Amino acid sequence: MSGHAKTSYVCLPCRAAYKQPYGPKRQRVCPRCAGPLLHAGSAFAAPPRRDVAAWRALTALLNAGVGFHMGCCDGPGFRPRTPREIRQRLAHAHRTGEPISRALTRPELP
């Protein structure tokens, strides 16, 4: 990624997203609450602030280390959008021993 390309950073408590130049060594802070921003990726599209369920699902994804990064030609792939989809995939990971990040990005459960 070039030096001027922008990517998304998210403040989970404020339910806000910001596009900023990417820099892995630089700590970013939320302009609203001064808390840390999490790197969400260049293919991230923030849900509406009022969509609490979508932000809960997003919190689980980002805390598990799952981002929204562009693939070579198809975007970030499947990401759960509801707390129910998150719960189902976490239960699958617990049952099978599959890594949580892999279970969360699985389009369908076996």
C-alpha atoms as a PDB file:
ATOM      1  CA  MET A   1       0.000   0.000   0.000  1.00  0.00           C
ATOM      2  CA  SER A   2       1.433   3.381  -0.883  1.00  0.00           C
ATOM      3  CA  GLY A   3       2.087   6.087   1.690  1.00  0.00           C
ATOM      4  CA  HIS A   4      -0.979   8.161   0.756  1.00  0.00           C
ATOM      5  CA  ALA A   5      -3.541   5.329   0.614  1.00  0.00           C
ATOM      6  CA  LYS A   6      -6.196   5.494   3.313  1.00  0.00           C
ATOM      7  CA  THR A   7      -7.678   2.739   5.393  1.00  0.00           C
ATOM      8  CA  SER A   8     -10.379   2.611   8.078  1.00  0.00           C
ATOM      9  CA  TYR A   9      -9.839   2.963  11.804  1.00  0.00           C
ATOM     10  CA  VAL A  10     -12.701   2.398  14.247  1.00  0.00           C
ATOM     11  CA  CYS A  11     -13.637   3.604  17.729  1.00  0.00           C
ATOM     12  CA  LEU A  12     -15.917   0.910  19.136  1.00  0.00           C
ATOM     13  CA  PRO A  13     -17.258   2.867  22.152  1.00  0.00           C
ATOM     14  CA  CYS A  14     -18.214   5.850  19.929  1.00  0.00           C
ATOM     15  CA  ARG A  15     -19.382   3.623  17.053  1.00  0.00           C
ATOM     16  CA  ALA A  16     -17.422   5.785  14.633  1.00  0.00           C
ATOM     17  CA  ALA A  17     -15.054   5.078  11.743  1.00  0.00           C
ATOM     18  CA  TYR A  18     -12.390   7.285  10.216  1.00  0.00           C
ATOM     19  CA  LYS A  19     -10.358   6.986   7.002  1.00  0.00           C
ATOM     20  CA  GLN A  20      -6.706   7.801   7.640  1.00  0.00           C
ATOM     21  CA  PRO A  21      -3.370   7.047   5.984  1.00  0.00           C
ATOM     22  CA  TYR A  22      -2.104   3.620   6.973  1.00  0.00           C
ATOM     23  CA  GLY A  23       0.873   3.452   9.317  1.00  0.00           C
ATOM     24  CA  PRO A  24       1.400   0.388  11.526  1.00  0.00           C
ATOM     25  CA  LYS A  25       3.705   2.097  14.026  1.00  0.00           C
ATOM     26  CA  ARG A  26       1.509   5.141  14.657  1.00  0.00           C
ATOM     27  CA  GLN A  27      -1.044   5.068  17.506  1.00  0.00           C
ATOM     28  CA  ARG A  28      -4.347   6.613  16.429  1.00  0.00           C
ATOM     29  CA  VAL A  29      -6.843   8.198  18.829  1.00  0.00           C
ATOM     30  CA  CYS A  30     -10.529   8.938  18.438  1.00  0.00           C
ATOM     31  CA  PRO A  31     -11.284  12.624  17.931  1.00  0.00           C
ATOM     32  CA  ARG A  32     -14.509  12.203  19.937  1.00  0.00           C
ATOM     33  CA  CYS A  33     -13.320  10.373  23.080  1.00  0.00           C
ATOM     34  CA  ALA A  34      -9.496  10.273  22.743  1.00  0.00           C
ATOM     35  CA  GLY A  35      -9.592   6.473  23.076  1.00  0.00           C
ATOM     36  CA  PRO A  36      -7.527   4.210  20.820  1.00  0.00           C
ATOM     37  CA  LEU A  37      -8.705   3.479  17.289  1.00  0.00           C
ATOM     38  CA  LEU A  38      -8.553  -0.077  15.930  1.00  0.00           C
ATOM     39  CA  HIS A  39      -7.405  -0.760  12.388  1.00  0.00           C
ATOM     40  CA  ALA A  40     -10.379  -2.224  10.491  1.00  0.00           C
ATOM     41  CA  GLY A  41      -8.919  -2.403   6.964  1.00  0.00           C
ATOM     42  CA  SER A  42      -9.321  -0.765   3.592  1.00  0.00           C
ATOM     43  CA  ALA A  43     -12.466  -2.741   2.630  1.00  0.00           C
ATOM     44  CA  PHE A  44     -14.380  -1.777   5.788  1.00  0.00           C
ATOM     45  CA  ALA A  45     -17.812  -0.149   5.550  1.00  0.00           C
ATOM     46  CA  ALA A  46     -19.139   1.075   8.893  1.00  0.00           C
ATOM     47  CA  PRO A  47     -22.682   0.181   9.913  1.00  0.00           C
ATOM     48  CA  PRO A  48     -24.985   3.038  10.917  1.00  0.00           C
ATOM     49  CA  ARG A  49     -24.236   4.282  14.444  1.00  0.00           C
ATOM     50  CA  ARG A  50     -27.772   3.391  15.581  1.00  0.00           C
ATOM     51  CA  ASP A  51     -27.377  -0.279  14.497  1.00  0.00           C
ATOM     52  CA  VAL A  52     -26.264  -1.572  17.898  1.00  0.00           C
ATOM     53  CA  ALA A  53     -26.395  -5.256  16.879  1.00  0.00           C
ATOM     54  CA  ALA A  54     -24.080  -4.694  13.909  1.00  0.00           C
ATOM     55  CA  TRP A  55     -21.604  -2.815  16.130  1.00  0.00           C
ATOM     56  CA  ARG A  56     -21.690  -5.681  18.663  1.00  0.00           C
ATOM     57  CA  ALA A  57     -20.862  -8.134  15.867  1.00  0.00           C
ATOM     58  CA  LEU A  58     -18.112  -5.805  14.616  1.00  0.00           C
ATOM     59  CA  THR A  59     -16.647  -5.607  18.133  1.00  0.00           C
ATOM     60  CA  ALA A  60     -16.393  -9.413  18.299  1.00  0.00           C
ATOM     61  CA  LEU A  61     -14.717  -9.544  14.877  1.00  0.00           C
ATOM     62  CA  LEU A  62     -12.132  -6.843  15.563  1.00  0.00           C
ATOM     63  CA  ASN A  63     -11.357  -8.182  19.042  1.00  0.00           C
ATOM     64  CA  ALA A  64     -10.729 -11.616  17.471  1.00  0.00           C
ATOM     65  CA  GLY A  65      -8.260 -10.041  15.046  1.00  0.00           C
ATOM     66  CA  VAL A  66     -10.517 -10.312  11.996  1.00  0.00           C
ATOM     67  CA  GLY A  67     -10.202  -7.275   9.744  1.00  0.00           C
ATOM     68  CA  PHE A  68     -11.668  -6.087   6.467  1.00  0.00           C
ATOM     69  CA  HIS A  69      -8.714  -6.171   4.122  1.00  0.00           C
ATOM     70  CA  MET A  70      -8.890  -6.309   0.341  1.00  0.00           C
ATOM     71  CA  GLY A  71      -8.127  -9.635  -1.299  1.00  0.00           C
ATOM     72  CA  CYS A  72      -6.558  -9.727  -4.723  1.00  0.00           C
ATOM     73  CA  CYS A  73      -9.922  -9.486  -6.486  1.00  0.00           C
ATOM     74  CA  ASP A  74     -12.847 -10.280  -4.202  1.00  0.00           C
ATOM     75  CA  GLY A  75     -12.669  -8.019  -1.147  1.00  0.00           C
ATOM     76  CA  PRO A  76     -12.457  -9.221   2.446  1.00  0.00           C
ATOM     77  CA  GLY A  77     -14.753 -12.226   2.112  1.00  0.00           C
ATOM     78  CA  PHE A  78     -17.614 -13.191   4.404  1.00  0.00           C
ATOM     79  CA  ARG A  79     -18.021 -11.418   7.747  1.00  0.00           C
ATOM     80  CA  PRO A  80     -20.915 -12.079  10.173  1.00  0.00           C
ATOM     81  CA  ARG A  81     -23.226  -9.108  10.604  1.00  0.00           C
ATOM     82  CA  THR A  82     -25.337 -10.103  13.603  1.00  0.00           C
ATOM     83  CA  PRO A  83     -24.633 -11.245  17.159  1.00  0.00           C
ATOM     84  CA  ARG A  84     -26.508 -14.486  16.344  1.00  0.00           C
ATOM     85  CA  GLU A  85     -24.101 -15.296  13.497  1.00  0.00           C
ATOM     86  CA  ILE A  86     -21.187 -14.536  15.828  1.00  0.00           C
ATOM     87  CA  ARG A  87     -22.588 -16.838  18.563  1.00  0.00           C
ATOM     88  CA  GLN A  88     -23.119 -19.672  16.073  1.00  0.00           C
ATOM     89  CA  ARG A  89     -19.553 -19.432  14.783  1.00  0.00           C
ATOM     90  CA  LEU A  90     -18.052 -19.156  18.273  1.00  0.00           C
ATOM     91  CA  ALA A  91     -20.001 -22.260  19.339  1.00  0.00           C
ATOM     92  CA  HIS A  92     -18.687 -24.066  16.245  1.00  0.00           C
ATOM     93  CA  ALA A  93     -15.108 -23.046  17.106  1.00  0.00           C
ATOM     94  CA  HIS A  94     -15.530 -24.252  20.696  1.00  0.00           C
ATOM     95  CA  ARG A  95     -17.053 -27.555  19.574  1.00  0.00           C
ATOM     96  CA  THR A  96     -14.514 -28.344  16.862  1.00  0.00           C
ATOM     97  CA  GLY A  97     -11.352 -26.614  18.046  1.00  0.00           C
ATOM     98  CA  GLU A  98     -11.218 -24.523  14.879  1.00  0.00           C
ATOM     99  CA  PRO A  99      -9.433 -21.175  15.447  1.00  0.00           C
ATOM    100  CA  ILE A 100     -11.925 -18.407  16.277  1.00  0.00           C
ATOM    101  CA  SER A 101     -10.710 -16.120  13.495  1.00  0.00           C
ATOM    102  CA  ARG A 102     -11.282 -18.930  10.944  1.00  0.00           C
ATOM    103  CA  ALA A 103     -14.727 -19.821  12.342  1.00  0.00           C
ATOM    104  CA  LEU A 104     -15.807 -16.166  12.222  1.00  0.00           C
ATOM    105  CA  THR A 105     -14.902 -15.846   8.541  1.00  0.00           C
ATOM    106  CA  ARG A 106     -16.588 -19.111   7.504  1.00  0.00           C
ATOM    107  CA  PRO A 107     -19.528 -18.321   5.148  1.00  0.00           C
ATOM    108  CA  GLU A 108     -21.446 -21.451   6.158  1.00  0.00           C
ATOM    109  CA  LEU A 109     -21.206 -23.787   9.096  1.00  0.00           C
ATOM    110  CA  PRO A 110     -20.900 -27.521   8.405  1.00  0.00           C
END
